[in-house]
N, C-alpha and C. Protein backbone atom coordinates (compact mmCIF):
# COMPACT_ATOMS: atom_id res chain seq x y z
N MET A 1 -8.67 -23.84 -9.72
CA MET A 1 -8.76 -22.66 -8.80
C MET A 1 -9.75 -21.74 -8.98
N SER A 2 -10.44 -21.35 -7.67
CA SER A 2 -11.54 -20.70 -7.56
C SER A 2 -11.50 -19.16 -8.36
N ASP A 3 -12.69 -18.62 -8.67
CA ASP A 3 -12.71 -17.38 -9.54
C ASP A 3 -12.28 -16.27 -8.31
N HIS A 4 -11.03 -15.75 -8.43
CA HIS A 4 -10.82 -14.51 -7.82
C HIS A 4 -9.88 -13.72 -8.73
N TYR A 5 -9.23 -12.58 -8.16
CA TYR A 5 -8.65 -11.65 -8.94
C TYR A 5 -7.52 -12.14 -9.84
N TYR A 6 -7.14 -13.31 -9.41
CA TYR A 6 -5.64 -13.90 -10.06
C TYR A 6 -6.42 -14.79 -10.79
N THR A 7 -7.16 -14.37 -12.07
CA THR A 7 -7.90 -15.31 -12.86
C THR A 7 -8.04 -14.51 -14.18
N GLN A 8 -7.57 -15.41 -15.34
CA GLN A 8 -7.61 -14.65 -16.68
C GLN A 8 -8.86 -14.08 -17.00
N LYS A 9 -10.01 -14.74 -16.78
CA LYS A 9 -11.37 -14.28 -17.25
C LYS A 9 -12.34 -14.50 -16.20
N PRO A 10 -12.41 -13.34 -15.38
CA PRO A 10 -13.20 -13.49 -14.30
C PRO A 10 -14.79 -13.81 -14.71
N SER A 11 -15.43 -14.46 -13.79
CA SER A 11 -16.70 -14.78 -14.24
C SER A 11 -17.67 -14.11 -13.40
N SER A 12 -17.27 -13.09 -12.34
CA SER A 12 -17.99 -12.37 -11.66
C SER A 12 -18.79 -11.22 -12.64
N ALA A 13 -20.21 -11.23 -12.15
CA ALA A 13 -20.86 -10.21 -12.86
C ALA A 13 -20.25 -8.89 -12.82
N HIS A 14 -20.56 -8.16 -13.74
CA HIS A 14 -19.82 -6.65 -13.86
C HIS A 14 -20.65 -5.69 -12.80
N ARG A 15 -19.71 -5.00 -11.83
CA ARG A 15 -20.22 -4.00 -11.05
C ARG A 15 -19.44 -3.00 -11.33
N PRO A 16 -19.29 -2.07 -12.16
CA PRO A 16 -18.57 -0.98 -12.67
C PRO A 16 -18.95 0.11 -11.27
N GLY A 17 -17.65 0.82 -11.09
CA GLY A 17 -17.55 1.64 -9.95
C GLY A 17 -16.65 2.81 -10.55
N GLN A 18 -16.77 3.92 -9.64
CA GLN A 18 -15.60 5.07 -9.88
C GLN A 18 -14.95 5.51 -8.76
N LEU A 19 -13.86 5.70 -8.65
CA LEU A 19 -13.12 6.00 -7.61
C LEU A 19 -12.49 7.54 -7.63
N GLU A 20 -12.25 8.14 -6.61
CA GLU A 20 -11.34 9.23 -6.57
C GLU A 20 -10.59 9.34 -5.22
N PHE A 21 -9.30 9.48 -5.25
CA PHE A 21 -8.45 9.58 -4.08
C PHE A 21 -7.21 10.48 -4.33
N SER A 22 -6.64 10.98 -3.12
CA SER A 22 -5.48 11.75 -3.19
C SER A 22 -4.22 10.75 -2.74
N VAL A 23 -3.19 11.08 -3.35
CA VAL A 23 -2.03 10.52 -2.62
C VAL A 23 -0.79 11.10 -3.12
N LEU A 24 0.28 11.35 -2.42
CA LEU A 24 1.54 11.91 -3.13
C LEU A 24 1.12 13.30 -3.73
N GLY A 25 0.19 13.92 -3.21
CA GLY A 25 -0.06 15.29 -3.87
C GLY A 25 -0.74 15.12 -5.04
N GLN A 26 -1.34 14.20 -5.50
CA GLN A 26 -2.12 14.08 -6.81
C GLN A 26 -3.33 13.55 -6.56
N THR A 27 -4.41 14.34 -7.32
CA THR A 27 -5.73 13.60 -7.17
C THR A 27 -5.90 12.69 -8.42
N MET A 28 -6.44 11.47 -8.13
CA MET A 28 -6.40 10.35 -9.16
C MET A 28 -7.94 10.04 -9.51
N ARG A 29 -8.34 9.74 -10.50
CA ARG A 29 -9.55 8.95 -10.85
C ARG A 29 -9.59 7.61 -11.47
N PHE A 30 -10.43 6.79 -11.08
CA PHE A 30 -10.16 5.45 -11.47
C PHE A 30 -11.72 5.06 -11.84
N GLU A 31 -11.77 4.03 -12.85
CA GLU A 31 -12.81 3.26 -12.88
C GLU A 31 -12.30 1.72 -12.42
N THR A 32 -13.38 1.07 -11.71
CA THR A 32 -13.21 -0.21 -11.37
C THR A 32 -14.36 -1.18 -11.53
N ASP A 33 -14.28 -2.56 -11.21
CA ASP A 33 -15.22 -3.42 -11.53
C ASP A 33 -14.92 -4.66 -10.46
N ALA A 34 -16.08 -5.37 -10.53
CA ALA A 34 -15.95 -6.62 -9.79
C ALA A 34 -14.99 -7.55 -10.56
N GLY A 35 -14.41 -8.63 -9.92
CA GLY A 35 -13.30 -9.52 -10.25
C GLY A 35 -11.96 -8.87 -10.29
N VAL A 36 -11.87 -7.88 -9.77
CA VAL A 36 -10.35 -7.30 -9.73
C VAL A 36 -10.34 -6.87 -8.14
N PHE A 37 -8.89 -6.85 -7.71
CA PHE A 37 -8.77 -6.60 -6.44
C PHE A 37 -8.96 -5.54 -6.03
N SER A 38 -9.72 -5.41 -4.82
CA SER A 38 -9.84 -4.10 -3.95
C SER A 38 -10.62 -3.10 -4.86
N ARG A 39 -11.68 -3.84 -5.32
CA ARG A 39 -12.64 -2.94 -6.37
C ARG A 39 -13.13 -1.65 -5.65
N ASP A 40 -13.36 -1.60 -4.35
CA ASP A 40 -14.13 -0.42 -3.82
C ASP A 40 -13.24 0.79 -3.35
N GLY A 41 -11.72 0.56 -3.49
CA GLY A 41 -10.75 1.60 -3.05
C GLY A 41 -9.47 1.30 -3.08
N LEU A 42 -8.64 2.30 -2.89
CA LEU A 42 -7.30 1.98 -2.70
C LEU A 42 -6.80 1.39 -1.36
N ASP A 43 -6.59 0.18 -1.36
CA ASP A 43 -6.31 -0.67 -0.26
C ASP A 43 -5.00 0.10 0.72
N PHE A 44 -5.00 -0.35 1.73
CA PHE A 44 -3.96 0.10 2.89
C PHE A 44 -2.71 -0.26 2.23
N GLY A 45 -2.46 -1.65 1.73
CA GLY A 45 -1.13 -2.13 1.57
C GLY A 45 -0.59 -1.28 0.22
N SER A 46 -1.42 -1.05 -0.74
CA SER A 46 -1.08 -0.52 -2.02
C SER A 46 -0.70 0.98 -1.47
N ARG A 47 -1.47 1.69 -0.89
CA ARG A 47 -1.24 3.00 -0.40
C ARG A 47 0.06 2.94 0.36
N LEU A 48 0.47 2.18 1.29
CA LEU A 48 1.81 2.07 2.03
C LEU A 48 2.71 1.96 1.10
N LEU A 49 2.96 1.18 0.04
CA LEU A 49 3.65 0.84 -0.76
C LEU A 49 3.88 2.01 -1.61
N ILE A 50 3.08 2.55 -2.17
CA ILE A 50 3.12 3.93 -3.05
C ILE A 50 4.01 5.03 -2.44
N GLU A 51 3.50 5.26 -0.82
CA GLU A 51 4.08 6.25 -0.21
C GLU A 51 5.42 5.84 0.51
N SER A 52 5.97 4.41 0.29
CA SER A 52 7.10 4.07 1.04
C SER A 52 8.26 4.07 -0.27
N LEU A 53 8.10 4.26 -1.31
CA LEU A 53 8.94 3.85 -2.47
C LEU A 53 10.01 5.20 -2.26
N PRO A 54 11.13 4.96 -2.79
CA PRO A 54 12.10 6.22 -3.11
C PRO A 54 11.61 6.71 -4.50
N GLU A 55 12.50 7.71 -4.83
CA GLU A 55 12.15 8.23 -6.13
C GLU A 55 12.18 7.24 -7.55
N LEU A 56 11.32 7.28 -8.05
CA LEU A 56 11.48 5.99 -9.21
C LEU A 56 11.78 6.98 -10.65
N HIS A 57 12.67 6.13 -11.42
CA HIS A 57 12.98 6.63 -12.69
C HIS A 57 13.28 5.47 -13.43
N GLY A 58 13.58 5.92 -14.82
CA GLY A 58 13.76 4.69 -15.71
C GLY A 58 12.56 4.05 -16.09
N ASP A 59 12.57 2.72 -16.28
CA ASP A 59 11.82 1.50 -16.31
C ASP A 59 11.21 0.89 -15.27
N VAL A 60 9.59 1.06 -15.09
CA VAL A 60 9.07 0.44 -14.00
C VAL A 60 8.11 -0.77 -14.25
N LEU A 61 8.03 -1.54 -13.50
CA LEU A 61 6.95 -2.66 -14.09
C LEU A 61 6.16 -2.86 -12.84
N ASP A 62 4.71 -2.81 -12.79
CA ASP A 62 3.57 -2.84 -11.91
C ASP A 62 3.12 -4.50 -12.34
N MET A 63 3.70 -5.36 -11.44
CA MET A 63 3.46 -6.55 -11.74
C MET A 63 2.12 -7.10 -10.87
N GLY A 64 1.11 -7.52 -11.50
CA GLY A 64 -0.35 -7.73 -10.88
C GLY A 64 -0.91 -6.53 -10.59
N CYS A 65 -1.00 -5.71 -11.52
CA CYS A 65 -1.44 -4.18 -11.44
C CYS A 65 -2.84 -4.08 -11.20
N GLY A 66 -3.77 -4.99 -11.58
CA GLY A 66 -5.19 -4.96 -10.91
C GLY A 66 -5.70 -3.75 -12.06
N TRP A 67 -6.67 -2.87 -11.46
CA TRP A 67 -7.28 -1.71 -12.16
C TRP A 67 -6.18 -0.47 -12.13
N GLY A 68 -5.09 -0.78 -11.72
CA GLY A 68 -3.97 0.14 -11.77
C GLY A 68 -3.83 1.21 -10.70
N ALA A 69 -4.21 0.84 -9.73
CA ALA A 69 -4.26 1.98 -8.64
C ALA A 69 -2.66 2.34 -8.22
N MET A 70 -1.79 1.26 -8.16
CA MET A 70 -0.19 1.68 -8.03
C MET A 70 0.17 2.37 -9.27
N GLY A 71 0.35 1.35 -10.22
CA GLY A 71 1.05 1.83 -11.58
C GLY A 71 0.45 3.10 -12.26
N VAL A 72 -0.66 3.39 -12.12
CA VAL A 72 -1.33 4.54 -12.99
C VAL A 72 -0.84 5.82 -11.87
N THR A 73 -1.00 5.77 -10.55
CA THR A 73 -0.57 6.75 -9.62
C THR A 73 0.65 7.25 -9.65
N LEU A 74 1.75 6.05 -9.76
CA LEU A 74 3.06 6.53 -9.78
C LEU A 74 3.39 7.02 -11.11
N ALA A 75 2.82 6.63 -12.11
CA ALA A 75 3.09 7.23 -13.43
C ALA A 75 2.79 8.68 -13.44
N LYS A 76 1.60 8.99 -12.80
CA LYS A 76 1.38 10.30 -12.48
C LYS A 76 2.44 11.33 -11.61
N VAL A 77 2.92 10.51 -10.66
CA VAL A 77 3.95 11.46 -9.75
C VAL A 77 5.16 11.46 -10.18
N TYR A 78 5.60 10.27 -11.28
CA TYR A 78 6.66 10.27 -11.99
C TYR A 78 6.82 10.33 -13.30
N PRO A 79 6.44 11.54 -14.04
CA PRO A 79 6.16 11.61 -15.43
C PRO A 79 7.22 11.28 -16.33
N ASP A 80 8.78 11.40 -15.71
CA ASP A 80 9.59 11.28 -16.46
C ASP A 80 10.37 9.47 -16.64
N ALA A 81 9.57 8.83 -15.72
CA ALA A 81 9.53 7.31 -15.79
C ALA A 81 8.64 6.87 -16.68
N GLN A 82 9.02 5.43 -17.20
CA GLN A 82 8.11 4.97 -18.15
C GLN A 82 7.56 3.55 -17.52
N PHE A 83 6.34 3.46 -17.43
CA PHE A 83 5.74 2.38 -16.62
C PHE A 83 4.73 1.32 -17.53
N LEU A 84 5.25 0.13 -17.13
CA LEU A 84 4.37 -1.19 -17.67
C LEU A 84 3.54 -1.68 -16.72
N LEU A 85 2.23 -1.85 -16.89
CA LEU A 85 1.31 -2.48 -15.92
C LEU A 85 1.04 -3.81 -16.59
N ALA A 86 1.10 -4.79 -15.63
CA ALA A 86 1.02 -6.14 -16.26
C ALA A 86 0.19 -6.91 -15.39
N ASP A 87 -0.79 -7.81 -15.88
CA ASP A 87 -1.71 -8.48 -14.93
C ASP A 87 -2.33 -9.73 -16.03
N ILE A 88 -2.40 -10.81 -15.27
CA ILE A 88 -3.02 -12.11 -16.12
C ILE A 88 -4.64 -11.85 -16.23
N ASN A 89 -5.16 -10.78 -15.56
CA ASN A 89 -6.82 -10.56 -15.35
C ASN A 89 -7.13 -9.71 -16.50
N GLU A 90 -7.72 -10.36 -17.60
CA GLU A 90 -8.18 -9.38 -18.85
C GLU A 90 -9.10 -7.97 -18.29
N ARG A 91 -9.75 -8.34 -17.42
CA ARG A 91 -10.60 -7.49 -16.80
C ARG A 91 -9.72 -6.20 -15.98
N ALA A 92 -8.83 -6.61 -15.49
CA ALA A 92 -8.06 -5.59 -14.95
C ALA A 92 -7.14 -4.92 -15.81
N ILE A 93 -6.55 -5.54 -17.07
CA ILE A 93 -5.85 -4.64 -18.02
C ILE A 93 -6.83 -3.78 -18.71
N SER A 94 -8.10 -4.20 -19.03
CA SER A 94 -9.11 -3.34 -19.68
C SER A 94 -9.16 -2.13 -18.62
N LEU A 95 -9.22 -2.20 -17.43
CA LEU A 95 -9.45 -1.23 -16.64
C LEU A 95 -8.31 -0.36 -16.35
N SER A 96 -6.93 -0.76 -16.36
CA SER A 96 -5.83 -0.15 -16.27
C SER A 96 -5.63 0.81 -17.74
N GLN A 97 -6.11 0.16 -18.80
CA GLN A 97 -5.95 0.76 -20.00
C GLN A 97 -6.88 2.15 -19.85
N LYS A 98 -8.18 1.85 -19.34
CA LYS A 98 -8.98 3.06 -19.13
C LYS A 98 -8.55 4.08 -18.24
N ASN A 99 -7.82 3.64 -17.13
CA ASN A 99 -7.39 4.50 -16.00
C ASN A 99 -6.27 5.37 -16.52
N ILE A 100 -5.33 4.67 -17.41
CA ILE A 100 -4.24 5.64 -17.86
C ILE A 100 -4.76 6.58 -18.82
N ALA A 101 -5.73 6.33 -19.72
CA ALA A 101 -6.37 7.50 -20.28
C ALA A 101 -7.18 8.48 -19.48
N LEU A 102 -7.74 7.94 -18.53
CA LEU A 102 -8.57 8.84 -17.76
C LEU A 102 -7.71 9.86 -16.86
N ASN A 103 -6.37 9.44 -16.62
CA ASN A 103 -5.62 10.39 -15.82
C ASN A 103 -4.72 11.25 -16.91
N GLY A 104 -4.67 10.92 -18.07
CA GLY A 104 -4.07 11.89 -19.07
C GLY A 104 -2.64 11.33 -19.19
N LEU A 105 -2.23 9.98 -19.06
CA LEU A 105 -0.91 9.74 -18.87
C LEU A 105 -0.45 9.22 -20.26
N ARG A 106 0.81 9.65 -20.67
CA ARG A 106 1.58 9.30 -21.73
C ARG A 106 2.60 8.24 -21.35
N ASN A 107 2.99 8.10 -20.40
CA ASN A 107 4.21 7.30 -19.75
C ASN A 107 3.85 6.13 -19.25
N ALA A 108 2.54 5.31 -19.70
CA ALA A 108 2.41 4.16 -19.01
C ALA A 108 1.67 3.25 -20.17
N GLN A 109 1.82 1.88 -20.08
CA GLN A 109 1.04 1.03 -21.11
C GLN A 109 0.92 -0.32 -20.23
N THR A 110 0.14 -0.97 -21.04
CA THR A 110 -0.47 -2.40 -20.34
C THR A 110 -0.01 -3.52 -20.97
N LEU A 111 0.15 -4.77 -20.53
CA LEU A 111 0.44 -5.75 -20.87
C LEU A 111 -0.46 -7.10 -20.30
N ARG A 112 -1.12 -7.97 -20.92
CA ARG A 112 -1.77 -8.93 -20.24
C ARG A 112 -0.67 -10.11 -20.33
N SER A 113 -0.27 -10.65 -18.99
CA SER A 113 0.55 -11.59 -19.00
C SER A 113 0.24 -12.52 -17.70
N ASP A 114 0.72 -14.02 -17.98
CA ASP A 114 0.76 -14.55 -16.81
C ASP A 114 1.86 -14.59 -16.17
N GLY A 115 1.94 -14.05 -14.98
CA GLY A 115 3.29 -13.65 -14.60
C GLY A 115 4.22 -12.98 -15.38
N PHE A 116 5.32 -13.18 -15.39
CA PHE A 116 6.36 -12.92 -16.19
C PHE A 116 6.39 -13.60 -17.49
N SER A 117 5.56 -14.46 -17.92
CA SER A 117 5.46 -15.02 -19.35
C SER A 117 5.74 -14.24 -20.56
N GLY A 118 4.93 -13.21 -20.51
CA GLY A 118 5.02 -12.23 -21.64
C GLY A 118 5.79 -10.89 -21.40
N VAL A 119 6.47 -10.94 -20.23
CA VAL A 119 7.30 -9.78 -20.10
C VAL A 119 8.50 -9.92 -20.70
N GLU A 120 8.80 -8.67 -21.34
CA GLU A 120 10.10 -8.68 -21.94
C GLU A 120 11.03 -7.48 -21.39
N GLY A 121 12.39 -7.73 -21.60
CA GLY A 121 13.41 -6.44 -20.97
C GLY A 121 13.34 -6.55 -19.64
N GLN A 122 14.34 -5.38 -19.35
CA GLN A 122 14.62 -5.44 -17.70
C GLN A 122 14.28 -4.15 -17.17
N PHE A 123 14.10 -3.98 -15.89
CA PHE A 123 13.46 -2.99 -15.35
C PHE A 123 14.23 -2.24 -14.13
N ASP A 124 14.19 -0.90 -13.87
CA ASP A 124 14.68 -0.23 -12.71
C ASP A 124 14.34 -0.59 -11.63
N ALA A 125 13.03 -0.56 -11.62
CA ALA A 125 12.13 -0.87 -10.33
C ALA A 125 10.96 -1.90 -10.84
N ILE A 126 10.57 -2.93 -9.95
CA ILE A 126 9.27 -3.94 -10.10
C ILE A 126 8.60 -3.59 -8.86
N ILE A 127 7.36 -3.37 -9.01
CA ILE A 127 6.40 -3.15 -7.78
C ILE A 127 5.35 -4.15 -7.82
N THR A 128 5.06 -4.70 -6.59
CA THR A 128 4.01 -5.76 -6.72
C THR A 128 3.33 -5.98 -5.37
N ASN A 129 1.91 -5.90 -5.32
CA ASN A 129 1.22 -6.26 -4.21
C ASN A 129 0.73 -7.66 -4.64
N PRO A 130 1.41 -8.76 -4.09
CA PRO A 130 1.16 -10.08 -4.83
C PRO A 130 -0.16 -10.49 -4.47
N PRO A 131 -0.54 -11.47 -5.31
CA PRO A 131 -2.00 -12.40 -5.07
C PRO A 131 -1.69 -13.34 -4.14
N ILE A 132 -1.70 -12.89 -2.80
CA ILE A 132 -1.59 -13.97 -1.68
C ILE A 132 -2.42 -15.08 -1.89
N ARG A 133 -3.74 -15.18 -2.12
CA ARG A 133 -4.64 -16.33 -2.38
C ARG A 133 -4.29 -17.11 -3.38
N ALA A 134 -3.39 -16.91 -4.26
CA ALA A 134 -2.99 -17.71 -5.40
C ALA A 134 -2.02 -18.77 -4.85
N GLY A 135 -1.34 -18.42 -3.69
CA GLY A 135 -0.73 -19.48 -2.92
C GLY A 135 0.95 -19.01 -2.79
N LYS A 136 1.51 -19.61 -1.82
CA LYS A 136 3.06 -19.50 -1.81
C LYS A 136 3.87 -19.63 -2.93
N GLN A 137 3.52 -20.85 -3.61
CA GLN A 137 4.39 -21.35 -4.69
C GLN A 137 4.39 -20.30 -5.87
N LEU A 138 3.30 -19.67 -6.22
CA LEU A 138 3.23 -18.98 -7.11
C LEU A 138 3.72 -17.52 -6.72
N ILE A 139 3.59 -17.18 -5.64
CA ILE A 139 4.18 -15.83 -5.18
C ILE A 139 5.58 -15.85 -5.27
N TYR A 140 6.25 -16.98 -4.74
CA TYR A 140 7.73 -17.27 -4.56
C TYR A 140 8.35 -17.45 -6.16
N ALA A 141 7.51 -18.12 -7.02
CA ALA A 141 7.86 -17.81 -8.42
C ALA A 141 7.94 -16.54 -9.13
N LEU A 142 7.01 -15.92 -8.67
CA LEU A 142 6.99 -14.29 -9.14
C LEU A 142 8.09 -13.63 -8.71
N PHE A 143 8.51 -13.80 -7.44
CA PHE A 143 9.78 -13.04 -6.92
C PHE A 143 10.90 -13.53 -7.37
N ASP A 144 11.05 -14.71 -7.91
CA ASP A 144 12.38 -15.32 -8.61
C ASP A 144 12.36 -14.86 -9.99
N ASP A 145 11.20 -14.77 -10.79
CA ASP A 145 11.33 -14.45 -12.00
C ASP A 145 11.37 -13.00 -12.05
N ALA A 146 11.04 -12.21 -11.20
CA ALA A 146 11.32 -10.66 -11.17
C ALA A 146 12.90 -10.54 -11.15
N HIS A 147 13.80 -11.36 -10.42
CA HIS A 147 14.97 -10.97 -10.55
C HIS A 147 15.67 -11.05 -11.97
N GLY A 148 15.34 -11.86 -12.95
CA GLY A 148 15.69 -11.74 -14.33
C GLY A 148 15.28 -10.78 -14.95
N HIS A 149 14.44 -9.93 -14.46
CA HIS A 149 13.68 -8.69 -15.28
C HIS A 149 14.24 -7.64 -14.62
N LEU A 150 15.06 -7.62 -13.59
CA LEU A 150 15.79 -6.34 -13.07
C LEU A 150 16.99 -6.14 -13.49
N LYS A 151 17.29 -4.74 -13.75
CA LYS A 151 18.68 -4.44 -14.23
C LYS A 151 19.61 -4.74 -12.95
N ALA A 152 21.05 -4.29 -13.35
CA ALA A 152 21.81 -4.49 -12.21
C ALA A 152 21.55 -3.48 -11.36
N GLY A 153 21.63 -3.43 -9.86
CA GLY A 153 21.07 -2.49 -9.13
C GLY A 153 19.59 -2.05 -9.00
N GLY A 154 19.00 -2.82 -9.82
CA GLY A 154 17.39 -2.72 -9.69
C GLY A 154 16.73 -3.20 -8.59
N SER A 155 15.53 -2.81 -8.01
CA SER A 155 14.99 -3.33 -6.85
C SER A 155 13.35 -3.85 -7.13
N LEU A 156 13.27 -4.86 -6.28
CA LEU A 156 11.90 -5.29 -6.39
C LEU A 156 10.99 -4.84 -5.04
N PHE A 157 10.18 -4.15 -5.09
CA PHE A 157 9.36 -3.54 -4.01
C PHE A 157 8.07 -4.53 -3.87
N ILE A 158 7.80 -4.86 -2.63
CA ILE A 158 6.72 -5.74 -2.14
C ILE A 158 6.02 -5.21 -1.02
N VAL A 159 4.59 -5.33 -1.18
CA VAL A 159 3.69 -5.23 0.19
C VAL A 159 3.06 -6.46 0.50
N ILE A 160 3.33 -6.87 1.79
CA ILE A 160 3.02 -8.18 2.17
C ILE A 160 2.70 -8.20 3.80
N ARG A 161 1.53 -8.40 4.29
CA ARG A 161 1.25 -8.66 5.49
C ARG A 161 2.17 -9.58 6.29
N LYS A 162 2.49 -9.39 7.54
CA LYS A 162 3.16 -10.18 8.41
C LYS A 162 2.66 -11.53 8.43
N GLN A 163 1.18 -11.41 8.89
CA GLN A 163 0.55 -12.62 9.32
C GLN A 163 0.23 -13.39 7.80
N GLN A 164 0.42 -12.83 6.55
CA GLN A 164 0.52 -13.54 5.53
C GLN A 164 1.89 -14.14 5.00
N GLY A 165 2.82 -13.92 5.91
CA GLY A 165 4.09 -14.61 5.47
C GLY A 165 5.12 -13.78 5.02
N ALA A 166 5.33 -12.39 5.59
CA ALA A 166 6.39 -11.51 5.14
C ALA A 166 7.72 -11.89 5.68
N PRO A 167 7.73 -12.34 6.69
CA PRO A 167 9.19 -12.97 7.40
C PRO A 167 9.62 -14.11 6.72
N SER A 168 8.68 -15.09 6.16
CA SER A 168 9.45 -15.95 5.33
C SER A 168 9.63 -15.54 3.92
N ALA A 169 8.84 -14.73 3.37
CA ALA A 169 9.16 -14.04 1.92
C ALA A 169 10.51 -13.43 1.97
N MET A 170 10.77 -12.75 3.24
CA MET A 170 12.27 -12.14 3.06
C MET A 170 13.18 -13.48 3.26
N LYS A 171 13.03 -13.97 3.73
CA LYS A 171 14.21 -15.74 3.97
C LYS A 171 14.43 -15.87 2.67
N HIS A 172 13.21 -16.06 1.77
CA HIS A 172 13.29 -16.53 0.37
C HIS A 172 13.84 -15.63 -0.61
N LEU A 173 13.29 -14.31 -0.42
CA LEU A 173 14.30 -13.40 -1.29
C LEU A 173 15.68 -13.44 -1.20
N ALA A 174 16.19 -13.53 0.16
CA ALA A 174 17.60 -13.53 0.48
C ALA A 174 18.44 -14.59 -0.01
N GLN A 175 17.71 -15.65 -0.24
CA GLN A 175 18.52 -16.63 -1.32
C GLN A 175 19.04 -16.23 -2.75
N ARG A 176 18.25 -15.18 -3.21
CA ARG A 176 18.29 -14.76 -4.64
C ARG A 176 18.89 -13.45 -4.87
N TYR A 177 18.62 -12.48 -3.99
CA TYR A 177 18.64 -11.08 -4.21
C TYR A 177 20.18 -10.71 -3.20
N ASN A 178 20.77 -9.78 -3.60
CA ASN A 178 21.67 -9.42 -2.87
C ASN A 178 21.59 -8.65 -1.52
N THR A 179 20.55 -7.77 -1.43
CA THR A 179 20.18 -7.11 -0.40
C THR A 179 18.72 -7.12 -0.12
N VAL A 180 18.04 -7.70 1.07
CA VAL A 180 16.61 -7.66 1.24
C VAL A 180 16.53 -7.01 2.68
N SER A 181 15.63 -5.81 2.55
CA SER A 181 15.46 -5.26 3.72
C SER A 181 13.63 -4.54 3.97
N ARG A 182 13.40 -4.62 5.04
CA ARG A 182 12.23 -4.00 5.40
C ARG A 182 12.25 -2.39 5.33
N ILE A 183 11.55 -1.82 4.63
CA ILE A 183 12.05 -0.40 4.41
C ILE A 183 10.71 0.49 5.00
N GLN A 184 9.68 -0.16 5.40
CA GLN A 184 8.58 0.47 6.06
C GLN A 184 7.72 -0.51 6.52
N TRP A 185 6.78 -0.27 7.60
CA TRP A 185 5.72 -1.21 8.10
C TRP A 185 4.68 -0.30 8.81
N ASP A 186 3.68 -0.90 8.80
CA ASP A 186 2.60 -0.16 9.54
C ASP A 186 1.36 -1.16 9.56
N LYS A 187 0.51 -1.27 10.39
CA LYS A 187 -0.53 -1.99 10.88
C LYS A 187 -0.40 -3.39 10.32
N GLY A 188 0.81 -4.22 10.62
CA GLY A 188 0.98 -5.25 10.14
C GLY A 188 1.47 -5.47 8.75
N TYR A 189 1.43 -4.49 7.83
CA TYR A 189 1.82 -4.57 6.54
C TYR A 189 3.45 -4.36 6.45
N TRP A 190 4.23 -5.07 5.69
CA TRP A 190 5.61 -4.87 5.63
C TRP A 190 5.91 -4.31 4.27
N ILE A 191 6.78 -3.26 3.94
CA ILE A 191 7.36 -3.03 2.55
C ILE A 191 8.60 -3.54 2.43
N ILE A 192 8.91 -4.59 1.56
CA ILE A 192 10.10 -5.22 1.46
C ILE A 192 10.80 -4.62 0.16
N GLN A 193 12.19 -4.55 0.24
CA GLN A 193 12.82 -4.06 -0.96
C GLN A 193 13.91 -5.21 -1.26
N ALA A 194 14.02 -5.54 -2.29
CA ALA A 194 14.94 -6.73 -2.66
C ALA A 194 15.67 -6.13 -4.19
N VAL A 195 16.94 -6.14 -3.57
CA VAL A 195 17.86 -5.29 -4.72
C VAL A 195 18.78 -6.54 -5.45
N ARG A 196 18.74 -6.36 -6.94
CA ARG A 196 19.77 -7.12 -7.59
C ARG A 196 21.06 -6.70 -7.73
N GLY A 197 21.94 -7.45 -7.37
CA GLY A 197 23.47 -6.82 -7.56
C GLY A 197 23.91 -6.63 -8.92
């Protein structure tokens, strides 16, 4: 597999950067680097997912967290929920740890994990902007594994572009989840909610 953001140890030369943006009334600060997804800013799909979610509570997993764009932001917005940010990418996890501290959060922690292999327990919500370039087989395995890590009534929330397979992803999810729906869409990006019964 070529070196991209779904890589345990990125070989890309470091290119540290700093970001600041506002979303859901919160001004967020982040450190980023090469070798992680969307190094230069909050991508449109992640922002749309953040802004489309219902109120989060309980235990929340950000699968494939990258530098923490979604998980860190949502932990700031929902201080009473507990967030776990997981990624295979060691550089991403290091950045997420820094960004949790940078934003003064006490309700978020990180875990380096190849998919769900290192994840324990169940969650009220799992969010993901999946690594499309890693291939459909891997993506669908993540969707399937998420089911077993959701509490009854818990939801998996996904952002995926229509042209990158959103309709077929919904069909796949419908084989396992009780309810699958498109809860938001904009500029070709779909926000999909899949609920475990």
